[in-house]
All heavy atoms as atom14 arrays in JSON, in Angstrom:
{
  "sequence": "IRILREYLQNHPDQLDPLRPGIQYMQELELLIAK",
  "atom14_mask": [
    [1, 1, 1, 1, 1, 1, 1, 1, 0, 0, 0, 0, 0, 0],
    [1, 1, 1, 1, 1, 1, 1, 1, 1, 1, 1, 0, 0, 0],
    [1, 1, 1, 1, 1, 1, 1, 1, 0, 0, 0, 0, 0, 0],
    [1, 1, 1, 1, 1, 1, 1, 1, 0, 0, 0, 0, 0, 0],
    [1, 1, 1, 1, 1, 1, 1, 1, 1, 1, 1, 0, 0, 0],
    [1, 1, 1, 1, 1, 1, 1, 1, 1, 0, 0, 0, 0, 0],
    [1, 1, 1, 1, 1, 1, 1, 1, 1, 1, 1, 1, 0, 0],
    [1, 1, 1, 1, 1, 1, 1, 1, 0, 0, 0, 0, 0, 0],
    [1, 1, 1, 1, 1, 1, 1, 1, 1, 0, 0, 0, 0, 0],
    [1, 1, 1, 1, 1, 1, 1, 1, 0, 0, 0, 0, 0, 0],
    [1, 1, 1, 1, 1, 1, 1, 1, 1, 1, 0, 0, 0, 0],
    [1, 1, 1, 1, 1, 1, 1, 0, 0, 0, 0, 0, 0, 0],
    [1, 1, 1, 1, 1, 1, 1, 1, 0, 0, 0, 0, 0, 0],
    [1, 1, 1, 1, 1, 1, 1, 1, 1, 0, 0, 0, 0, 0],
    [1, 1, 1, 1, 1, 1, 1, 1, 0, 0, 0, 0, 0, 0],
    [1, 1, 1, 1, 1, 1, 1, 1, 0, 0, 0, 0, 0, 0],
    [1, 1, 1, 1, 1, 1, 1, 0, 0, 0, 0, 0, 0, 0],
    [1, 1, 1, 1, 1, 1, 1, 1, 0, 0, 0, 0, 0, 0],
    [1, 1, 1, 1, 1, 1, 1, 1, 1, 1, 1, 0, 0, 0],
    [1, 1, 1, 1, 1, 1, 1, 0, 0, 0, 0, 0, 0, 0],
    [1, 1, 1, 1, 0, 0, 0, 0, 0, 0, 0, 0, 0, 0],
    [1, 1, 1, 1, 1, 1, 1, 1, 0, 0, 0, 0, 0, 0],
    [1, 1, 1, 1, 1, 1, 1, 1, 1, 0, 0, 0, 0, 0],
    [1, 1, 1, 1, 1, 1, 1, 1, 1, 1, 1, 1, 0, 0],
    [1, 1, 1, 1, 1, 1, 1, 1, 0, 0, 0, 0, 0, 0],
    [1, 1, 1, 1, 1, 1, 1, 1, 1, 0, 0, 0, 0, 0],
    [1, 1, 1, 1, 1, 1, 1, 1, 1, 0, 0, 0, 0, 0],
    [1, 1, 1, 1, 1, 1, 1, 1, 0, 0, 0, 0, 0, 0],
    [1, 1, 1, 1, 1, 1, 1, 1, 1, 0, 0, 0, 0, 0],
    [1, 1, 1, 1, 1, 1, 1, 1, 0, 0, 0, 0, 0, 0],
    [1, 1, 1, 1, 1, 1, 1, 1, 0, 0, 0, 0, 0, 0],
    [1, 1, 1, 1, 1, 1, 1, 1, 0, 0, 0, 0, 0, 0],
    [1, 1, 1, 1, 1, 0, 0, 0, 0, 0, 0, 0, 0, 0],
    [1, 1, 1, 1, 1, 1, 1, 1, 1, 0, 0, 0, 0, 0]
  ],
  "atom14_positions": [
    [[316.75, -54.18, 99.82], [315.57, -54.29, 98.92], [315.67, -53.29, 97.79], [315.31, -53.61, 96.65], [314.29, -54.03, 99.79], [314.07, -55.14, 100.78], [313.06, -53.91, 98.84], [313.98, -56.52, 100.17], [0.0, 0.0, 0.0], [0.0, 0.0, 0.0], [0.0, 0.0, 0.0], [0.0, 0.0, 0.0], [0.0, 0.0, 0.0], [0.0, 0.0, 0.0]],
    [[316.17, -52.08, 98.06], [316.31, -51.08, 96.97], [317.29, -51.58, 95.94], [317.04, -51.56, 94.72], [316.78, -49.75, 97.53], [316.75, -48.64, 96.5], [318.1, -48.45, 95.86], [319.07, -47.9, 96.78], [320.39, -47.86, 96.5], [320.86, -48.3, 95.35], [321.25, -47.36, 97.41], [0.0, 0.0, 0.0], [0.0, 0.0, 0.0], [0.0, 0.0, 0.0]],
    [[318.43, -52.08, 96.37], [319.48, -52.56, 95.42], [318.93, -53.78, 94.65], [319.06, -53.86, 93.43], [320.75, -52.95, 96.18], [321.44, -51.67, 96.66], [321.68, -53.77, 95.29], [322.64, -51.98, 97.52], [0.0, 0.0, 0.0], [0.0, 0.0, 0.0], [0.0, 0.0, 0.0], [0.0, 0.0, 0.0], [0.0, 0.0, 0.0], [0.0, 0.0, 0.0]],
    [[318.25, -54.7, 95.31], [317.76, -55.89, 94.65], [316.69, -55.54, 93.64], [316.69, -56.01, 92.48], [317.2, -56.87, 95.68], [316.77, -58.23, 95.15], [317.95, -58.94, 94.43], [316.26, -59.09, 96.27], [0.0, 0.0, 0.0], [0.0, 0.0, 0.0], [0.0, 0.0, 0.0], [0.0, 0.0, 0.0], [0.0, 0.0, 0.0], [0.0, 0.0, 0.0]],
    [[315.74, -54.65, 94.01], [314.62, -54.29, 93.11], [315.18, -53.55, 91.9], [314.77, -53.85, 90.77], [313.59, -53.42, 93.83], [312.63, -54.26, 94.68], [311.43, -53.36, 95.13], [310.48, -54.18, 95.81], [309.51, -54.88, 95.2], [309.45, -54.89, 93.87], [308.62, -55.62, 95.88], [0.0, 0.0, 0.0], [0.0, 0.0, 0.0], [0.0, 0.0, 0.0]],
    [[316.07, -52.6, 92.11], [316.61, -51.88, 90.97], [317.44, -52.79, 90.04], [317.39, -52.65, 88.84], [317.49, -50.74, 91.46], [316.67, -49.61, 92.08], [317.51, -48.41, 92.46], [318.77, -48.52, 92.58], [316.95, -47.29, 92.68], [0.0, 0.0, 0.0], [0.0, 0.0, 0.0], [0.0, 0.0, 0.0], [0.0, 0.0, 0.0], [0.0, 0.0, 0.0]],
    [[318.17, -53.7, 90.63], [318.99, -54.6, 89.82], [318.09, -55.51, 88.99], [318.32, -55.67, 87.78], [319.89, -55.51, 90.7], [320.69, -56.45, 89.93], [321.9, -56.08, 89.34], [320.29, -57.81, 89.79], [322.65, -56.97, 88.6], [321.02, -58.68, 89.02], [322.21, -58.27, 88.45], [322.95, -59.15, 87.66], [0.0, 0.0, 0.0], [0.0, 0.0, 0.0]],
    [[317.08, -56.07, 89.57], [316.13, -56.91, 88.8], [315.42, -56.15, 87.7], [315.19, -56.64, 86.6], [315.15, -57.55, 89.73], [315.69, -58.56, 90.74], [314.64, -59.04, 91.73], [316.34, -59.76, 90.06], [0.0, 0.0, 0.0], [0.0, 0.0, 0.0], [0.0, 0.0, 0.0], [0.0, 0.0, 0.0], [0.0, 0.0, 0.0], [0.0, 0.0, 0.0]],
    [[315.1, -54.89, 87.98], [314.43, -54.07, 87.03], [315.36, -53.66, 85.89], [314.94, -53.63, 84.71], [313.83, -52.81, 87.72], [313.03, -51.96, 86.78], [312.52, -50.73, 87.53], [313.29, -49.86, 88.02], [311.21, -50.59, 87.64], [0.0, 0.0, 0.0], [0.0, 0.0, 0.0], [0.0, 0.0, 0.0], [0.0, 0.0, 0.0], [0.0, 0.0, 0.0]],
    [[316.6, -53.36, 86.24], [317.52, -52.81, 85.21], [318.3, -53.9, 84.48], [318.93, -53.59, 83.43], [318.51, -51.84, 85.89], [317.82, -50.65, 86.51], [316.78, -50.16, 85.99], [318.4, -50.04, 87.55], [0.0, 0.0, 0.0], [0.0, 0.0, 0.0], [0.0, 0.0, 0.0], [0.0, 0.0, 0.0], [0.0, 0.0, 0.0], [0.0, 0.0, 0.0]],
    [[318.29, -55.09, 85.03], [319.05, -56.17, 84.41], [318.18, -57.47, 84.29], [318.5, -58.47, 84.88], [320.34, -56.51, 85.16], [321.22, -55.34, 85.38], [321.1, -54.47, 86.46], [322.25, -54.87, 84.64], [322.03, -53.52, 86.38], [322.75, -53.75, 85.29], [0.0, 0.0, 0.0], [0.0, 0.0, 0.0], [0.0, 0.0, 0.0], [0.0, 0.0, 0.0]],
    [[317.1, -57.38, 83.54], [316.19, -58.53, 83.41], [316.85, -59.74, 82.76], [316.29, -60.86, 82.88], [315.04, -58.01, 82.61], [315.64, -56.9, 81.82], [316.67, -56.26, 82.69], [0.0, 0.0, 0.0], [0.0, 0.0, 0.0], [0.0, 0.0, 0.0], [0.0, 0.0, 0.0], [0.0, 0.0, 0.0], [0.0, 0.0, 0.0], [0.0, 0.0, 0.0]],
    [[318.01, -59.57, 82.08], [318.65, -60.64, 81.39], [319.72, -61.33, 82.23], [320.31, -62.32, 81.8], [319.28, -60.17, 80.07], [320.3, -59.08, 80.33], [320.18, -58.32, 81.31], [321.31, -58.95, 79.58], [0.0, 0.0, 0.0], [0.0, 0.0, 0.0], [0.0, 0.0, 0.0], [0.0, 0.0, 0.0], [0.0, 0.0, 0.0], [0.0, 0.0, 0.0]],
    [[319.96, -60.85, 83.49], [321.07, -61.38, 84.27], [320.57, -62.49, 85.21], [319.46, -62.47, 85.71], [321.62, -60.25, 85.12], [322.42, -59.18, 84.28], [323.65, -59.77, 83.62], [324.35, -60.59, 84.19], [323.91, -59.31, 82.39], [0.0, 0.0, 0.0], [0.0, 0.0, 0.0], [0.0, 0.0, 0.0], [0.0, 0.0, 0.0], [0.0, 0.0, 0.0]],
    [[321.45, -63.43, 85.46], [321.19, -64.55, 86.32], [322.13, -64.64, 87.5], [322.04, -65.53, 88.33], [321.22, -65.87, 85.58], [320.15, -66.09, 84.48], [320.46, -67.33, 83.69], [318.8, -66.19, 85.14], [0.0, 0.0, 0.0], [0.0, 0.0, 0.0], [0.0, 0.0, 0.0], [0.0, 0.0, 0.0], [0.0, 0.0, 0.0], [0.0, 0.0, 0.0]],
    [[323.09, -63.69, 87.6], [324.1, -63.76, 88.62], [323.75, -63.0, 89.89], [323.72, -61.8, 89.92], [325.4, -63.15, 88.06], [326.58, -63.35, 88.95], [326.42, -63.88, 90.07], [327.72, -62.88, 88.64], [0.0, 0.0, 0.0], [0.0, 0.0, 0.0], [0.0, 0.0, 0.0], [0.0, 0.0, 0.0], [0.0, 0.0, 0.0], [0.0, 0.0, 0.0]],
    [[323.42, -63.76, 91.0], [323.04, -63.05, 92.22], [324.2, -62.41, 92.95], [323.96, -61.61, 93.89], [322.44, -64.21, 93.09], [323.2, -65.43, 92.58], [323.39, -65.17, 91.14], [0.0, 0.0, 0.0], [0.0, 0.0, 0.0], [0.0, 0.0, 0.0], [0.0, 0.0, 0.0], [0.0, 0.0, 0.0], [0.0, 0.0, 0.0], [0.0, 0.0, 0.0]],
    [[325.41, -62.68, 92.54], [326.59, -62.08, 93.17], [326.69, -60.61, 92.9], [327.21, -59.83, 93.69], [327.85, -62.8, 92.75], [327.96, -64.28, 93.08], [329.32, -64.8, 92.68], [327.65, -64.53, 94.54], [0.0, 0.0, 0.0], [0.0, 0.0, 0.0], [0.0, 0.0, 0.0], [0.0, 0.0, 0.0], [0.0, 0.0, 0.0], [0.0, 0.0, 0.0]],
    [[326.21, -60.16, 91.73], [326.36, -58.78, 91.34], [325.58, -57.83, 92.29], [326.22, -56.88, 92.78], [325.91, -58.55, 89.89], [326.84, -59.23, 88.9], [326.48, -58.81, 87.45], [327.38, -59.52, 86.5], [327.4, -59.26, 85.23], [326.53, -58.35, 84.67], [328.21, -59.91, 84.4], [0.0, 0.0, 0.0], [0.0, 0.0, 0.0], [0.0, 0.0, 0.0]],
    [[324.32, -58.07, 92.56], [323.67, -57.19, 93.54], [324.25, -57.38, 94.92], [324.25, -56.44, 95.73], [322.17, -57.59, 93.45], [322.19, -58.98, 92.93], [323.37, -58.98, 91.96], [0.0, 0.0, 0.0], [0.0, 0.0, 0.0], [0.0, 0.0, 0.0], [0.0, 0.0, 0.0], [0.0, 0.0, 0.0], [0.0, 0.0, 0.0], [0.0, 0.0, 0.0]],
    [[324.77, -58.56, 95.25], [325.39, -58.79, 96.53], [326.65, -57.96, 96.72], [326.85, -57.41, 97.78], [0.0, 0.0, 0.0], [0.0, 0.0, 0.0], [0.0, 0.0, 0.0], [0.0, 0.0, 0.0], [0.0, 0.0, 0.0], [0.0, 0.0, 0.0], [0.0, 0.0, 0.0], [0.0, 0.0, 0.0], [0.0, 0.0, 0.0], [0.0, 0.0, 0.0]],
    [[327.44, -57.86, 95.7], [328.67, -57.05, 95.73], [328.34, -55.59, 95.88], [328.9, -54.86, 96.72], [329.51, -57.28, 94.46], [330.09, -58.7, 94.44], [330.62, -56.25, 94.36], [330.72, -59.07, 93.14], [0.0, 0.0, 0.0], [0.0, 0.0, 0.0], [0.0, 0.0, 0.0], [0.0, 0.0, 0.0], [0.0, 0.0, 0.0], [0.0, 0.0, 0.0]],
    [[327.32, -55.13, 95.13], [326.88, -53.74, 95.27], [326.32, -53.46, 96.66], [326.62, -52.36, 97.24], [325.77, -53.42, 94.23], [325.3, -51.98, 94.29], [324.16, -51.71, 93.31], [323.87, -52.55, 92.46], [323.45, -50.58, 93.51], [0.0, 0.0, 0.0], [0.0, 0.0, 0.0], [0.0, 0.0, 0.0], [0.0, 0.0, 0.0], [0.0, 0.0, 0.0]],
    [[325.61, -54.43, 97.2], [325.08, -54.25, 98.53], [326.2, -54.08, 99.56], [326.14, -53.14, 100.41], [324.19, -55.43, 98.94], [323.58, -55.35, 100.3], [322.89, -54.21, 100.7], [323.65, -56.44, 101.16], [322.28, -54.16, 101.97], [323.03, -56.37, 102.4], [322.38, -55.26, 102.82], [321.79, -55.22, 104.05], [0.0, 0.0, 0.0], [0.0, 0.0, 0.0]],
    [[327.24, -54.88, 99.53], [328.32, -54.77, 100.46], [328.99, -53.41, 100.33], [329.37, -52.83, 101.31], [329.34, -55.92, 100.28], [328.81, -57.25, 100.75], [330.07, -58.6, 100.77], [330.2, -58.92, 99.01], [0.0, 0.0, 0.0], [0.0, 0.0, 0.0], [0.0, 0.0, 0.0], [0.0, 0.0, 0.0], [0.0, 0.0, 0.0], [0.0, 0.0, 0.0]],
    [[329.22, -52.95, 99.11], [329.85, -51.68, 98.91], [329.06, -50.55, 99.47], [329.56, -49.66, 100.16], [330.12, -51.45, 97.39], [331.12, -52.44, 96.81], [331.18, -52.34, 95.28], [330.29, -51.87, 94.65], [332.28, -52.85, 94.71], [0.0, 0.0, 0.0], [0.0, 0.0, 0.0], [0.0, 0.0, 0.0], [0.0, 0.0, 0.0], [0.0, 0.0, 0.0]],
    [[327.75, -50.52, 99.2], [326.93, -49.41, 99.67], [326.67, -49.56, 101.14], [326.49, -48.54, 101.91], [325.59, -49.39, 98.9], [325.78, -49.01, 97.45], [324.51, -48.53, 96.77], [323.68, -47.85, 97.46], [324.37, -48.83, 95.57], [0.0, 0.0, 0.0], [0.0, 0.0, 0.0], [0.0, 0.0, 0.0], [0.0, 0.0, 0.0], [0.0, 0.0, 0.0]],
    [[326.6, -50.8, 101.66], [326.4, -50.97, 103.09], [327.55, -50.49, 103.92], [327.37, -49.95, 105.01], [326.12, -52.46, 103.38], [325.74, -52.84, 104.83], [324.53, -52.03, 105.3], [325.45, -54.31, 104.95], [0.0, 0.0, 0.0], [0.0, 0.0, 0.0], [0.0, 0.0, 0.0], [0.0, 0.0, 0.0], [0.0, 0.0, 0.0], [0.0, 0.0, 0.0]],
    [[328.74, -50.62, 103.37], [329.94, -50.07, 104.1], [329.76, -48.54, 104.26], [330.11, -48.03, 105.33], [331.2, -50.38, 103.32], [331.68, -51.85, 103.46], [333.16, -52.01, 103.12], [333.85, -51.04, 103.0], [333.59, -53.17, 102.93], [0.0, 0.0, 0.0], [0.0, 0.0, 0.0], [0.0, 0.0, 0.0], [0.0, 0.0, 0.0], [0.0, 0.0, 0.0]],
    [[329.28, -47.88, 103.27], [329.09, -46.45, 103.36], [328.02, -46.1, 104.38], [328.13, -45.16, 105.18], [328.69, -45.88, 102.0], [329.72, -46.02, 100.87], [329.17, -45.47, 99.58], [331.0, -45.33, 101.24], [0.0, 0.0, 0.0], [0.0, 0.0, 0.0], [0.0, 0.0, 0.0], [0.0, 0.0, 0.0], [0.0, 0.0, 0.0], [0.0, 0.0, 0.0]],
    [[326.91, -46.89, 104.39], [325.82, -46.66, 105.35], [326.32, -46.9, 106.81], [326.09, -46.07, 107.7], [324.69, -47.63, 105.05], [323.56, -47.66, 106.09], [322.84, -46.31, 106.18], [322.57, -48.75, 105.74], [0.0, 0.0, 0.0], [0.0, 0.0, 0.0], [0.0, 0.0, 0.0], [0.0, 0.0, 0.0], [0.0, 0.0, 0.0], [0.0, 0.0, 0.0]],
    [[327.09, -47.98, 107.01], [327.57, -48.28, 108.32], [328.57, -47.2, 108.8], [328.58, -46.81, 109.96], [328.21, -49.68, 108.37], [327.14, -50.75, 108.19], [328.94, -49.93, 109.68], [327.67, -52.14, 107.97], [0.0, 0.0, 0.0], [0.0, 0.0, 0.0], [0.0, 0.0, 0.0], [0.0, 0.0, 0.0], [0.0, 0.0, 0.0], [0.0, 0.0, 0.0]],
    [[329.41, -46.79, 107.9], [330.41, -45.73, 108.24], [329.72, -44.46, 108.67], [330.13, -43.81, 109.7], [331.29, -45.42, 107.03], [0.0, 0.0, 0.0], [0.0, 0.0, 0.0], [0.0, 0.0, 0.0], [0.0, 0.0, 0.0], [0.0, 0.0, 0.0], [0.0, 0.0, 0.0], [0.0, 0.0, 0.0], [0.0, 0.0, 0.0], [0.0, 0.0, 0.0]],
    [[328.6, -44.15, 108.05], [327.86, -42.94, 108.47], [327.28, -43.13, 109.84], [327.27, -42.21, 110.68], [326.75, -42.66, 107.44], [325.94, -41.39, 107.73], [324.9, -41.16, 106.65], [324.11, -39.86, 107.0], [323.02, -39.58, 105.97], [0.0, 0.0, 0.0], [0.0, 0.0, 0.0], [0.0, 0.0, 0.0], [0.0, 0.0, 0.0], [0.0, 0.0, 0.0]]
  ]
}
């Protein structure tokens, strides 16, 4: 939810849902590793 909300707020001109998805996987790996 944090990644999605910030992405929508910071990129109002974007239509590609893969970008926040990629960011989510990258940050989720760090969370899971912890």
